[in-house]
Amino acid sequence: MREFRPWLRLLQRHRRQLAAGLVLMASTLMAGLGLLALSGWFITATAITAMAWAAGVNASLNLYAPGGGIRFFALARTASRYFERLVNHDAVLRLLADIRVELFRKLLRAEAYSAKRLGSAAFLNRLVSDVDTLDNLYLRQIAPPLVALAGSLGAAGLIAVFAPALSLVVLAVLVPWLGVVTLGMAWWTRRHGAAEMEAAERLRSHALTELEGMAELSAAGRLAHDQYDLLAEEHAQRNRQMQQEASAITGQALNTLVIHLLVVALLLFASQAWQANQVSGAVMVLIPLVVMALSEGFLPLPKAFVRWGATEAAAGRLNAEGAAEPDLPEQLSEMSLPEHPTLTWSHIRVARGVPAVFDDFSLSVLPGERLVITGASGSGKSSLASFAARLTAPDGGQVLANGHDGAMFSLTEWRERISVLTQDAHLFNESIAANLRVGNTGASDGQLWRVLEAVDLAPLVASLDHGLTTSVGEGGGQLSGGEGRRLALARVLLRSAPVVILDEPFTGLDGATATRVWNGIQPWLNGCSVVLMLHDSMPFIEADRVIPLTAGGRM
């Protein structure tokens, strides 16, 4: 149950609405119970009265009171069912919205960690599936057992009016059986439900991987083999689902058997009570019908609790995703970050690789200085950019601003002063204008055109039918690699930060285009501290210093 504690706390926000839904569910069951019991009593009483008249016995029956009662229960059942659906589904939708908001709030605390994972289709698919699985928690696994318990107590109370001993029999059977079809089914199928969830995730991941890598698999002659493996996984998953369905059907069959055996037993006991003149003939029929009406409350329980293991596994994964701590916790002081700070990587250590990427690496960038850092792939250039943006933290050392630890300043203020073009800058599935305004939400169309001119994209955008409102597609898929890179660069320039770090800004560009872009962005970089991360220095770039990195973070 500990996996559910964070999500059960969210239920408290809607406790009144959920309680109202619970009352309406119980009212629906009680109305159905009253309808069937009173109808059976009325039909039997009418038949007995008719037989008495046929035998010449003077007998009478009030038709109006039971007839009115039957109409009342029929209307009450319909109304309760309608309002129960209305209230419960509204509450559950609100609850799921709270779950999503709470989950994403937790995920966003660890920004770099989350950003990489949130970009994964498999991760997003699993996240949506797990959140939707929690829909089972209240609507199928919390409320129905409580309603069945209330129905059992209500049925026993009604029977106790006519035959107290039989009400004890009802409680002695139904209460333990309620535990069997809930906790017992959950215990029996828990491991299989969790395994099915894990297998479903692997199957989704495999399918997505095959779709994304279909060209490579075809070129390598491995597509047919991979498709065979995928079909084998799908077949195995279908068998697991059939096993779960078989468990649910077995539980429902046993449920129906126990309820109806109890009905038959009550009919026998009630008939003995009738023969002993302890109850009337109509009441003899009413007693087993009361329990028969409880089938509506007990029938959905086995199938709901077969999913207990899957629900618990989903809650556990969501808890794990939301438990990540911030990569760079803030230790705020009263100091304000200078308008144009000196940025320093101080005694940076990154233990990845042999030799380590960085071991006691230090470097400062003065206000207005232009610095080029070159190095092969894996030399640590992107790591330095990530540390400077406070997206990730080094294994050792600090990033300083004017000699003070960056963690002492607010993240919002830090990112107003330091703008970074990351190596894998993301383009949103929005318009060109919307992507640019991520850098500056208040930028006018004129500013957008000027920055596009600076990165040599204005002619391309002007040639598009929808201009700035043209969608770039998912991940910038409607643009070439070089065009997407320049759009991301333009977004960074719009921030107008005093410190600009550009990680491989010319990826996908030929020499002539890179030269035009570099010359075009100079007015936007005027007065800024600029750090360029490049594989090799480029002749058209004039810098105050060029720092080559070698293995082990040595300069």
Protein backbone atom coordinates (compact mmCIF):
# COMPACT_ATOMS: atom_id res chain seq x y z
CA MET A 1 0.00 0.00 0.00
CA ARG A 2 2.92 2.38 0.47
CA GLU A 3 3.12 2.89 -3.30
CA PHE A 4 -0.35 4.46 -3.20
CA ARG A 5 0.24 6.86 -0.31
CA PRO A 6 1.22 9.91 -2.41
CA TRP A 7 -1.79 9.41 -4.66
CA LEU A 8 -4.20 8.70 -1.82
CA ARG A 9 -3.19 12.07 -0.39
CA LEU A 10 -4.37 13.66 -3.62
CA LEU A 11 -7.80 12.11 -3.00
CA GLN A 12 -8.10 14.37 0.04
CA ARG A 13 -8.40 17.40 -2.24
CA HIS A 14 -11.67 16.03 -3.62
CA ARG A 15 -12.90 14.17 -0.55
CA ARG A 16 -16.33 15.82 -0.50
CA GLN A 17 -17.03 15.11 -4.14
CA LEU A 18 -15.68 11.57 -3.87
CA ALA A 19 -17.74 10.99 -0.73
CA ALA A 20 -20.84 12.23 -2.58
CA GLY A 21 -20.05 9.82 -5.42
CA LEU A 22 -19.62 6.99 -2.93
CA VAL A 23 -23.01 7.75 -1.36
CA LEU A 24 -24.63 7.82 -4.81
CA MET A 25 -23.04 4.46 -5.72
CA ALA A 26 -24.35 2.96 -2.48
CA SER A 27 -27.77 4.54 -3.11
CA THR A 28 -27.88 2.97 -6.57
CA LEU A 29 -27.13 -0.47 -5.12
CA MET A 30 -29.60 -0.05 -2.26
CA ALA A 31 -32.31 1.12 -4.65
CA GLY A 32 -31.70 -1.94 -6.84
CA LEU A 33 -31.81 -4.15 -3.78
CA GLY A 34 -35.08 -2.58 -2.62
CA LEU A 35 -36.57 -2.77 -6.14
CA LEU A 36 -35.90 -6.49 -6.58
CA ALA A 37 -36.85 -7.43 -3.02
CA LEU A 38 -40.09 -5.41 -2.98
CA SER A 39 -41.04 -6.56 -6.48
CA GLY A 40 -40.55 -10.20 -5.47
CA TRP A 41 -42.51 -9.65 -2.28
CA PHE A 42 -45.34 -7.90 -4.17
CA ILE A 43 -45.63 -10.55 -6.88
CA THR A 44 -45.62 -13.35 -4.31
CA ALA A 45 -48.10 -11.57 -2.04
CA THR A 46 -50.40 -10.94 -5.02
CA ALA A 47 -50.24 -14.62 -6.05
CA ILE A 48 -50.92 -15.82 -2.49
CA THR A 49 -53.88 -13.43 -2.18
CA ALA A 50 -55.30 -14.63 -5.52
CA MET A 51 -54.93 -18.27 -4.44
CA ALA A 52 -56.68 -17.45 -1.17
CA TRP A 53 -59.59 -15.88 -3.07
CA ALA A 54 -59.75 -18.92 -5.34
CA ALA A 55 -59.96 -21.13 -2.26
CA GLY A 56 -62.77 -18.99 -0.89
CA VAL A 57 -60.69 -17.46 1.87
CA ASN A 58 -61.35 -13.83 2.67
CA ALA A 59 -58.03 -12.03 2.04
CA SER A 60 -56.97 -8.48 1.20
CA LEU A 61 -53.83 -6.78 -0.08
CA ASN A 62 -52.91 -3.10 -0.18
CA LEU A 63 -51.73 -2.58 -3.75
CA TYR A 64 -50.91 1.12 -3.47
CA ALA A 65 -48.13 1.13 -0.88
CA PRO A 66 -45.91 -1.57 -2.51
CA GLY A 67 -46.74 -0.23 -5.98
CA GLY A 68 -45.59 3.23 -4.90
CA GLY A 69 -42.51 1.72 -3.29
CA ILE A 70 -41.58 -0.08 -6.52
CA ARG A 71 -41.93 3.14 -8.52
CA PHE A 72 -39.85 5.00 -5.93
CA PHE A 73 -37.00 2.47 -6.03
CA ALA A 74 -37.06 2.35 -9.86
CA LEU A 75 -36.85 6.14 -10.16
CA ALA A 76 -34.31 6.41 -7.33
CA ARG A 77 -32.09 3.80 -8.98
CA THR A 78 -32.17 5.63 -12.32
CA ALA A 79 -31.53 9.03 -10.77
CA SER A 80 -28.77 7.75 -8.47
CA ARG A 81 -27.05 6.01 -11.37
CA TYR A 82 -27.13 9.18 -13.48
CA PHE A 83 -25.83 11.51 -10.79
CA GLU A 84 -23.27 8.93 -9.63
CA ARG A 85 -21.79 8.81 -13.14
CA LEU A 86 -21.85 12.60 -13.32
CA VAL A 87 -20.21 13.19 -9.93
CA ASN A 88 -17.69 10.33 -9.99
CA HIS A 89 -16.41 10.87 -13.50
CA ASP A 90 -16.02 14.59 -12.90
CA ALA A 91 -14.13 13.85 -9.66
CA VAL A 92 -11.90 11.24 -11.31
CA LEU A 93 -11.06 13.53 -14.23
CA ARG A 94 -10.13 16.27 -11.77
CA LEU A 95 -8.09 13.76 -9.79
CA LEU A 96 -6.22 12.62 -12.90
CA ALA A 97 -5.50 16.26 -13.75
CA ASP A 98 -4.06 16.74 -10.24
CA ILE A 99 -1.96 13.59 -10.66
CA ARG A 100 -0.52 14.86 -13.95
CA VAL A 101 0.23 18.31 -12.53
CA GLU A 102 1.84 16.87 -9.39
CA LEU A 103 3.89 14.41 -11.41
CA PHE A 104 5.21 16.98 -13.87
CA ARG A 105 5.97 19.38 -11.04
CA LYS A 106 8.19 16.69 -9.53
CA LEU A 107 9.78 15.80 -12.86
CA LEU A 108 10.69 19.38 -13.62
CA ARG A 109 12.68 19.70 -10.39
CA ALA A 110 15.50 17.71 -11.99
CA GLU A 111 15.64 19.62 -15.24
CA ALA A 112 18.42 18.04 -17.25
CA TYR A 113 17.41 14.56 -16.14
CA SER A 114 13.80 15.18 -17.09
CA ALA A 115 14.48 16.97 -20.36
CA LYS A 116 16.32 14.03 -21.87
CA ARG A 117 13.72 11.50 -20.75
CA LEU A 118 10.69 13.64 -21.61
CA GLY A 119 11.97 13.74 -25.17
CA SER A 120 11.65 9.97 -25.42
CA ALA A 121 8.47 8.71 -27.09
CA ALA A 122 8.68 5.46 -25.11
CA PHE A 123 9.00 7.37 -21.84
CA LEU A 124 6.05 9.64 -22.64
CA ASN A 125 3.94 6.67 -23.72
CA ARG A 126 4.68 4.88 -20.46
CA LEU A 127 3.98 8.01 -18.45
CA VAL A 128 0.55 8.47 -20.03
CA SER A 129 -0.25 4.76 -19.62
CA ASP A 130 0.75 4.76 -15.94
CA VAL A 131 -1.30 7.86 -15.14
CA ASP A 132 -4.34 6.41 -16.91
CA THR A 133 -3.89 3.14 -15.00
CA LEU A 134 -4.33 5.05 -11.73
CA ASP A 135 -7.89 5.70 -12.92
CA ASN A 136 -8.58 2.19 -11.53
CA LEU A 137 -7.63 3.18 -8.01
CA TYR A 138 -10.71 5.04 -6.80
CA LEU A 139 -13.36 4.16 -9.37
CA ARG A 140 -12.72 0.40 -9.39
CA GLN A 141 -10.58 -0.55 -6.39
CA ILE A 142 -11.58 1.75 -3.53
CA ALA A 143 -15.23 2.74 -3.96
CA PRO A 144 -16.78 -0.57 -5.19
CA PRO A 145 -15.60 -2.70 -2.20
CA LEU A 146 -16.93 -0.07 0.21
CA VAL A 147 -20.24 -0.02 -1.64
CA ALA A 148 -20.40 -3.84 -1.59
CA LEU A 149 -19.73 -3.80 2.15
CA ALA A 150 -22.45 -1.20 2.68
CA GLY A 151 -24.81 -3.28 0.54
CA SER A 152 -24.04 -6.41 2.56
CA LEU A 153 -24.75 -4.61 5.83
CA GLY A 154 -27.93 -3.13 4.38
CA ALA A 155 -29.13 -6.52 3.13
CA ALA A 156 -28.36 -8.13 6.48
CA GLY A 157 -30.21 -5.31 8.26
CA LEU A 158 -33.30 -5.77 6.09
CA ILE A 159 -33.33 -9.55 6.59
CA ALA A 160 -32.84 -9.06 10.35
CA VAL A 161 -36.25 -7.33 10.47
CA PHE A 162 -37.90 -10.64 9.52
CA ALA A 163 -35.36 -13.33 10.43
CA PRO A 164 -32.45 -12.21 12.65
CA ALA A 165 -30.72 -15.58 12.52
CA LEU A 166 -30.58 -15.51 8.70
CA SER A 167 -29.03 -12.04 8.76
CA LEU A 168 -26.09 -13.50 10.69
CA VAL A 169 -25.71 -16.17 8.00
CA VAL A 170 -25.60 -13.45 5.35
CA LEU A 171 -22.90 -11.53 7.20
CA ALA A 172 -20.91 -14.70 7.96
CA VAL A 173 -20.73 -15.50 4.25
CA LEU A 174 -20.60 -12.14 2.49
CA VAL A 175 -18.06 -10.25 4.63
CA PRO A 176 -15.30 -12.92 4.38
CA TRP A 177 -16.15 -13.45 0.71
CA LEU A 178 -15.74 -9.73 0.09
CA GLY A 179 -12.17 -10.09 1.40
CA VAL A 180 -11.58 -13.04 -0.92
CA VAL A 181 -12.74 -11.29 -4.11
CA THR A 182 -10.73 -8.13 -3.29
CA LEU A 183 -7.59 -8.79 -1.24
CA GLY A 184 -7.48 -12.45 -2.25
CA MET A 185 -7.70 -11.68 -5.98
CA ALA A 186 -5.12 -8.92 -5.60
CA TRP A 187 -2.70 -11.27 -3.84
CA TRP A 188 -3.29 -14.07 -6.37
CA THR A 189 -2.73 -11.95 -9.49
CA ARG A 190 -0.44 -9.20 -8.18
CA ARG A 191 2.79 -10.60 -9.63
CA HIS A 192 1.16 -11.38 -13.01
CA GLY A 193 -0.38 -7.90 -13.27
CA ALA A 194 2.96 -6.20 -12.64
CA ALA A 195 4.68 -8.52 -15.14
CA GLU A 196 2.07 -7.70 -17.77
CA MET A 197 2.68 -3.97 -17.29
CA GLU A 198 6.45 -4.39 -17.67
CA ALA A 199 6.00 -6.58 -20.74
CA ALA A 200 3.60 -4.07 -22.30
CA GLU A 201 6.22 -1.35 -21.80
CA ARG A 202 8.92 -3.48 -23.46
CA LEU A 203 6.57 -4.21 -26.36
CA ARG A 204 5.78 -0.51 -26.89
CA SER A 205 9.46 0.37 -26.68
CA HIS A 206 10.39 -2.35 -29.18
CA ALA A 207 7.68 -1.22 -31.62
CA LEU A 208 8.77 2.43 -31.40
CA THR A 209 12.44 1.49 -31.81
CA GLU A 210 11.66 -0.57 -34.90
CA LEU A 211 9.65 2.24 -36.48
CA GLU A 212 12.38 4.79 -35.78
CA GLY A 213 15.17 2.52 -37.03
CA MET A 214 13.35 0.87 -39.93
CA ALA A 215 15.72 2.30 -42.55
CA GLU A 216 18.83 1.09 -40.70
CA LEU A 217 17.32 -2.35 -40.07
CA SER A 218 16.34 -2.69 -43.74
CA ALA A 219 19.82 -1.64 -44.89
CA ALA A 220 21.39 -4.21 -42.55
CA GLY A 221 18.98 -6.95 -43.66
CA ARG A 222 17.68 -7.31 -40.08
CA LEU A 223 14.15 -5.94 -40.50
CA ALA A 224 12.44 -9.31 -41.01
CA HIS A 225 14.28 -10.82 -38.02
CA ASP A 226 13.37 -7.86 -35.82
CA GLN A 227 9.73 -8.05 -36.95
CA TYR A 228 9.69 -11.75 -36.05
CA ASP A 229 10.99 -10.91 -32.56
CA LEU A 230 8.36 -8.18 -32.21
CA LEU A 231 5.58 -10.59 -33.20
CA ALA A 232 6.91 -13.13 -30.70
CA GLU A 233 6.82 -10.49 -27.95
CA GLU A 234 3.29 -9.51 -28.97
CA HIS A 235 2.19 -13.16 -28.87
CA ALA A 236 3.69 -13.60 -25.41
CA GLN A 237 1.97 -10.41 -24.23
CA ARG A 238 -1.35 -11.59 -25.61
CA ASN A 239 -0.92 -14.83 -23.66
CA ARG A 240 -0.31 -12.84 -20.47
CA GLN A 241 -3.43 -10.80 -21.10
CA MET A 242 -5.43 -13.98 -21.69
CA GLN A 243 -4.07 -15.36 -18.42
CA GLN A 244 -5.21 -12.22 -16.61
CA GLU A 245 -8.61 -12.42 -18.27
CA ALA A 246 -8.85 -16.09 -17.29
CA SER A 247 -8.13 -15.13 -13.69
CA ALA A 248 -10.84 -12.47 -13.82
CA ILE A 249 -13.35 -14.86 -15.35
CA THR A 250 -12.51 -17.50 -12.74
CA GLY A 251 -13.04 -14.94 -9.99
CA GLN A 252 -16.35 -13.81 -11.47
CA ALA A 253 -17.52 -17.40 -11.86
CA LEU A 254 -16.67 -18.20 -8.24
CA ASN A 255 -18.30 -14.94 -7.18
CA THR A 256 -21.52 -15.82 -8.98
CA LEU A 257 -21.41 -19.37 -7.59
CA VAL A 258 -21.01 -18.24 -3.97
CA ILE A 259 -23.75 -15.59 -4.22
CA HIS A 260 -26.21 -18.01 -5.78
CA LEU A 261 -25.37 -20.83 -3.39
CA LEU A 262 -26.11 -18.37 -0.60
CA VAL A 263 -29.39 -17.48 -2.32
CA VAL A 264 -30.37 -21.17 -2.52
CA ALA A 265 -29.37 -21.72 1.13
CA LEU A 266 -31.40 -18.71 2.24
CA LEU A 267 -34.38 -19.93 0.25
CA LEU A 268 -34.19 -23.30 2.04
CA PHE A 269 -33.81 -21.68 5.46
CA ALA A 270 -36.61 -19.20 4.72
CA SER A 271 -38.91 -21.99 3.56
CA GLN A 272 -38.30 -23.79 6.85
CA ALA A 273 -39.12 -20.57 8.70
CA TRP A 274 -42.31 -20.26 6.61
CA GLN A 275 -43.31 -23.82 7.45
CA ALA A 276 -42.81 -22.97 11.10
CA ASN A 277 -45.05 -19.88 10.61
CA GLN A 278 -42.14 -17.59 11.53
CA VAL A 279 -42.36 -15.63 8.26
CA SER A 280 -45.01 -15.17 5.57
CA GLY A 281 -44.76 -16.69 2.13
CA ALA A 282 -43.98 -13.32 0.54
CA VAL A 283 -41.16 -12.69 3.03
CA MET A 284 -39.82 -16.16 2.30
CA VAL A 285 -39.29 -15.04 -1.31
CA LEU A 286 -38.02 -11.58 -0.30
CA ILE A 287 -35.10 -12.90 1.77
CA PRO A 288 -33.13 -14.67 -1.02
CA LEU A 289 -33.98 -11.90 -3.51
CA VAL A 290 -32.30 -9.34 -1.24
CA VAL A 291 -29.01 -11.25 -1.52
CA MET A 292 -29.49 -11.89 -5.25
CA ALA A 293 -29.65 -8.13 -5.77
CA LEU A 294 -26.18 -7.83 -4.20
CA SER A 295 -24.68 -9.54 -7.26
CA GLU A 296 -24.56 -6.10 -8.90
CA GLY A 297 -22.20 -4.88 -6.20
CA PHE A 298 -20.00 -7.99 -6.08
CA LEU A 299 -19.77 -8.86 -9.78
CA PRO A 300 -17.19 -6.19 -10.89
CA LEU A 301 -14.79 -6.81 -7.99
CA PRO A 302 -12.73 -9.77 -9.30
CA LYS A 303 -11.92 -8.08 -12.62
CA ALA A 304 -11.03 -4.82 -10.87
CA PHE A 305 -8.65 -6.47 -8.41
CA VAL A 306 -6.99 -8.58 -11.10
CA ARG A 307 -5.60 -5.18 -12.17
CA TRP A 308 -4.27 -4.43 -8.67
CA GLY A 309 -0.72 -5.52 -9.51
CA ALA A 310 -0.71 -3.34 -12.64
CA THR A 311 -2.05 -0.35 -10.70
CA GLU A 312 0.53 -0.83 -7.95
CA ALA A 313 3.35 -1.14 -10.51
CA ALA A 314 2.18 2.04 -12.27
CA ALA A 315 2.06 3.94 -8.97
CA GLY A 316 5.53 2.67 -8.06
CA ARG A 317 7.03 3.81 -11.37
CA LEU A 318 5.41 7.23 -11.10
CA ASN A 319 6.75 7.56 -7.56
CA ALA A 320 10.23 6.68 -8.79
CA GLU A 321 10.02 9.18 -11.65
CA GLY A 322 8.90 11.92 -9.29
CA ALA A 323 11.50 11.15 -6.62
CA ALA A 324 14.45 12.61 -8.53
CA GLU A 325 16.15 15.42 -6.64
CA PRO A 326 17.11 18.65 -8.40
CA ASP A 327 20.41 18.37 -10.25
CA LEU A 328 21.52 21.72 -8.86
CA PRO A 329 19.78 22.61 -5.60
CA GLU A 330 19.73 26.34 -4.90
CA GLN A 331 21.31 27.79 -1.78
CA LEU A 332 19.97 31.29 -2.11
CA SER A 333 21.77 34.21 -0.52
CA GLU A 334 20.87 37.88 -0.40
CA MET A 335 23.44 38.65 -3.12
CA SER A 336 22.23 39.63 -6.57
CA LEU A 337 23.95 38.28 -9.66
CA PRO A 338 26.03 41.02 -11.36
CA GLU A 339 24.69 42.33 -14.66
CA HIS A 340 27.78 41.07 -16.53
CA PRO A 341 29.56 38.47 -14.40
CA THR A 342 32.95 36.88 -14.83
CA LEU A 343 32.16 33.21 -15.43
CA THR A 344 34.56 30.64 -13.97
CA TRP A 345 34.72 26.88 -14.13
CA SER A 346 36.57 26.19 -10.89
CA HIS A 347 38.41 22.87 -10.23
CA ILE A 348 35.89 20.93 -12.33
CA ARG A 349 36.05 17.16 -12.07
CA VAL A 350 34.07 14.70 -14.21
CA ALA A 351 34.96 11.10 -13.50
CA ARG A 352 33.42 9.57 -16.62
CA GLY A 353 35.82 7.65 -18.85
CA VAL A 354 39.48 6.65 -18.61
CA PRO A 355 41.18 9.01 -18.30
CA ALA A 356 38.53 11.16 -16.62
CA VAL A 357 36.96 13.84 -18.83
CA PHE A 358 38.01 16.57 -16.39
CA ASP A 359 40.31 16.42 -13.40
CA ASP A 360 40.81 19.76 -11.65
CA PHE A 361 39.90 21.88 -14.70
CA SER A 362 39.67 25.67 -14.21
CA LEU A 363 38.96 28.43 -16.71
CA SER A 364 37.53 31.97 -16.51
CA VAL A 365 35.77 34.16 -19.09
CA LEU A 366 36.01 37.88 -18.46
CA PRO A 367 33.25 40.37 -19.36
CA GLY A 368 33.34 41.08 -23.07
CA GLU A 369 35.94 38.36 -23.77
CA ARG A 370 35.62 36.04 -26.77
CA LEU A 371 36.86 32.54 -26.13
CA VAL A 372 37.00 29.49 -28.42
CA ILE A 373 37.26 26.03 -26.84
CA THR A 374 38.14 23.28 -29.30
CA GLY A 375 38.38 19.56 -28.89
CA ALA A 376 37.38 16.18 -30.26
CA SER A 377 34.10 14.49 -29.43
CA GLY A 378 34.10 13.40 -25.80
CA SER A 379 36.64 16.01 -24.70
CA GLY A 380 34.06 17.67 -22.45
CA LYS A 381 33.00 20.79 -24.38
CA SER A 382 29.28 20.09 -24.05
CA SER A 383 29.72 19.25 -20.38
CA LEU A 384 31.23 22.68 -19.75
CA ALA A 385 28.25 24.31 -21.52
CA SER A 386 25.82 22.24 -19.47
CA PHE A 387 27.56 23.17 -16.21
CA ALA A 388 27.51 26.85 -17.15
CA ALA A 389 23.77 26.71 -17.91
CA ARG A 390 23.23 24.90 -14.56
CA LEU A 391 21.53 22.03 -16.37
CA THR A 392 23.80 19.44 -14.74
CA ALA A 393 26.42 19.47 -12.01
CA PRO A 394 30.04 18.21 -12.20
CA ASP A 395 31.25 15.41 -9.95
CA GLY A 396 33.48 17.97 -8.28
CA GLY A 397 34.16 21.69 -8.44
CA GLN A 398 31.89 24.67 -9.01
CA VAL A 399 30.76 27.18 -11.60
CA LEU A 400 31.36 30.66 -10.19
CA ALA A 401 30.04 34.13 -10.98
CA ASN A 402 32.45 36.85 -9.85
CA GLY A 403 34.02 34.31 -7.51
CA HIS A 404 30.76 33.21 -5.85
CA ASP A 405 29.20 29.77 -6.18
CA GLY A 406 26.47 29.84 -8.86
CA ALA A 407 24.14 27.85 -6.60
CA MET A 408 23.86 30.94 -4.37
CA PHE A 409 21.96 32.82 -7.09
CA SER A 410 18.42 32.17 -8.28
CA LEU A 411 18.11 30.00 -11.36
CA THR A 412 15.84 32.55 -13.04
CA GLU A 413 18.37 35.34 -12.57
CA TRP A 414 21.24 33.09 -13.68
CA ARG A 415 19.54 32.23 -16.94
CA GLU A 416 18.75 35.85 -17.63
CA ARG A 417 22.51 36.54 -17.57
CA ILE A 418 23.80 33.38 -19.28
CA SER A 419 22.30 32.04 -22.51
CA VAL A 420 23.41 28.69 -23.88
CA LEU A 421 22.95 27.02 -27.26
CA THR A 422 23.14 23.34 -26.33
CA GLN A 423 24.41 20.70 -28.70
CA ASP A 424 20.97 19.09 -28.99
CA ALA A 425 18.77 22.22 -28.78
CA HIS A 426 15.12 21.19 -29.12
CA LEU A 427 12.69 22.72 -31.59
CA PHE A 428 9.05 22.56 -30.59
CA ASN A 429 6.28 21.36 -32.88
CA GLU A 430 5.06 24.93 -33.25
CA SER A 431 5.48 27.82 -35.67
CA ILE A 432 8.81 29.47 -36.43
CA ALA A 433 7.64 32.55 -34.50
CA ALA A 434 6.60 30.49 -31.46
CA ASN A 435 9.99 28.75 -31.40
CA LEU A 436 11.82 32.06 -31.57
CA ARG A 437 9.69 33.63 -28.84
CA VAL A 438 10.80 30.93 -26.42
CA GLY A 439 13.92 33.11 -26.21
CA ASN A 440 11.97 36.35 -25.82
CA THR A 441 8.22 36.17 -25.34
CA GLY A 442 7.80 39.87 -26.04
CA ALA A 443 9.73 39.94 -29.31
CA SER A 444 7.95 41.76 -32.14
CA ASP A 445 7.69 40.41 -35.67
CA GLY A 446 10.28 42.99 -36.68
CA GLN A 447 12.78 41.62 -34.16
CA LEU A 448 12.10 38.11 -35.39
CA TRP A 449 12.83 39.08 -38.98
CA ARG A 450 16.03 40.88 -37.93
CA VAL A 451 17.39 37.88 -36.04
CA LEU A 452 16.41 35.57 -38.93
CA GLU A 453 18.35 37.88 -41.24
CA ALA A 454 21.34 37.63 -38.90
CA VAL A 455 21.40 33.82 -39.11
CA ASP A 456 20.74 33.82 -42.88
CA LEU A 457 17.24 32.32 -42.58
CA ALA A 458 15.14 35.32 -43.60
CA PRO A 459 15.07 34.46 -47.35
CA LEU A 460 13.94 30.91 -46.58
CA VAL A 461 11.19 31.97 -44.17
CA ALA A 462 10.00 34.71 -46.54
CA SER A 463 9.64 32.11 -49.31
CA LEU A 464 7.31 29.94 -47.21
CA ASP A 465 3.56 30.28 -47.78
CA HIS A 466 2.85 31.02 -44.12
CA GLY A 467 6.10 32.82 -43.27
CA LEU A 468 6.66 33.13 -39.52
CA THR A 469 3.55 31.05 -38.76
CA THR A 470 4.92 28.00 -40.61
CA SER A 471 5.15 24.96 -38.36
CA VAL A 472 8.62 23.43 -38.03
CA GLY A 473 7.20 19.95 -37.27
CA GLU A 474 8.09 17.61 -34.45
CA GLY A 475 11.70 18.17 -33.42
CA GLY A 476 12.09 20.62 -36.33
CA GLY A 477 11.52 17.81 -38.82
CA GLN A 478 10.30 20.19 -41.54
CA LEU A 479 13.68 21.92 -41.56
CA SER A 480 17.08 20.63 -42.58
CA GLY A 481 19.69 20.06 -39.88
CA GLY A 482 21.51 23.29 -40.67
CA GLU A 483 18.28 25.31 -40.84
CA GLY A 484 17.12 23.94 -37.51
CA ARG A 485 20.49 24.75 -35.96
CA ARG A 486 20.33 28.34 -37.15
CA LEU A 487 16.76 28.72 -35.83
CA ALA A 488 17.94 27.53 -32.40
CA LEU A 489 20.87 29.98 -32.60
CA ALA A 490 18.47 32.83 -33.42
CA ARG A 491 16.40 31.91 -30.36
CA VAL A 492 19.49 32.18 -28.13
CA LEU A 493 20.38 35.60 -29.59
CA LEU A 494 16.90 36.94 -28.83
CA ARG A 495 17.55 36.47 -25.11
CA SER A 496 20.08 39.36 -25.19
CA ALA A 497 22.06 37.82 -22.33
CA PRO A 498 25.49 39.32 -21.47
CA VAL A 499 27.13 35.87 -21.47
CA VAL A 500 26.54 33.66 -24.53
CA ILE A 501 27.80 30.08 -24.84
CA LEU A 502 27.42 28.46 -28.25
CA ASP A 503 28.03 24.72 -28.45
CA GLU A 504 28.77 23.75 -32.07
CA PRO A 505 26.67 26.59 -33.57
CA PHE A 506 27.70 25.80 -37.15
CA THR A 507 26.74 22.11 -37.22
CA GLY A 508 25.31 21.22 -40.65
CA LEU A 509 26.56 24.40 -42.33
CA ASP A 510 29.04 24.69 -45.16
CA GLY A 511 31.96 27.08 -44.82
CA ALA A 512 30.38 29.94 -46.81
CA THR A 513 27.09 29.79 -44.86
CA ALA A 514 28.92 29.54 -41.52
CA THR A 515 30.92 32.66 -42.44
CA ARG A 516 27.76 34.60 -43.35
CA VAL A 517 26.07 33.53 -40.11
CA TRP A 518 29.08 34.47 -37.96
CA ASN A 519 29.31 37.89 -39.59
CA GLY A 520 25.55 38.36 -39.36
CA ILE A 521 25.31 37.72 -35.63
CA GLN A 522 28.12 40.11 -34.64
CA PRO A 523 25.76 43.03 -33.83
CA TRP A 524 23.82 40.68 -31.53
CA LEU A 525 27.02 39.65 -29.72
CA ASN A 526 28.46 43.14 -29.34
CA GLY A 527 29.69 43.64 -25.76
CA CYS A 528 28.86 40.06 -24.73
CA SER A 529 31.15 37.47 -23.26
CA VAL A 530 31.14 34.75 -25.93
CA VAL A 531 32.31 31.15 -25.56
CA LEU A 532 32.28 28.98 -28.68
CA MET A 533 32.62 25.20 -28.40
CA LEU A 534 34.01 23.83 -31.70
CA HIS A 535 35.67 20.68 -32.99
CA ASP A 536 38.31 22.83 -34.70
CA SER A 537 39.01 26.54 -34.79
CA MET A 538 37.63 28.30 -37.87
CA PRO A 539 39.65 30.95 -39.75
CA PHE A 540 36.81 33.48 -39.97
CA ILE A 541 36.37 33.59 -36.17
CA GLU A 542 38.43 36.18 -34.32
CA ALA A 543 38.81 35.36 -30.63
CA ASP A 544 40.80 36.67 -27.68
CA ARG A 545 41.84 33.14 -26.76
CA VAL A 546 41.63 29.68 -28.31
CA ILE A 547 41.73 26.82 -25.79
CA PRO A 548 42.34 23.32 -27.23
CA LEU A 549 41.13 20.51 -24.96
CA THR A 550 42.86 17.13 -24.90
CA ALA A 551 42.09 13.88 -23.06
CA GLY A 552 41.63 14.36 -19.33
CA GLY A 553 40.43 17.95 -19.72
CA ARG A 554 43.94 19.32 -20.16
CA MET A 555 44.40 22.64 -21.99
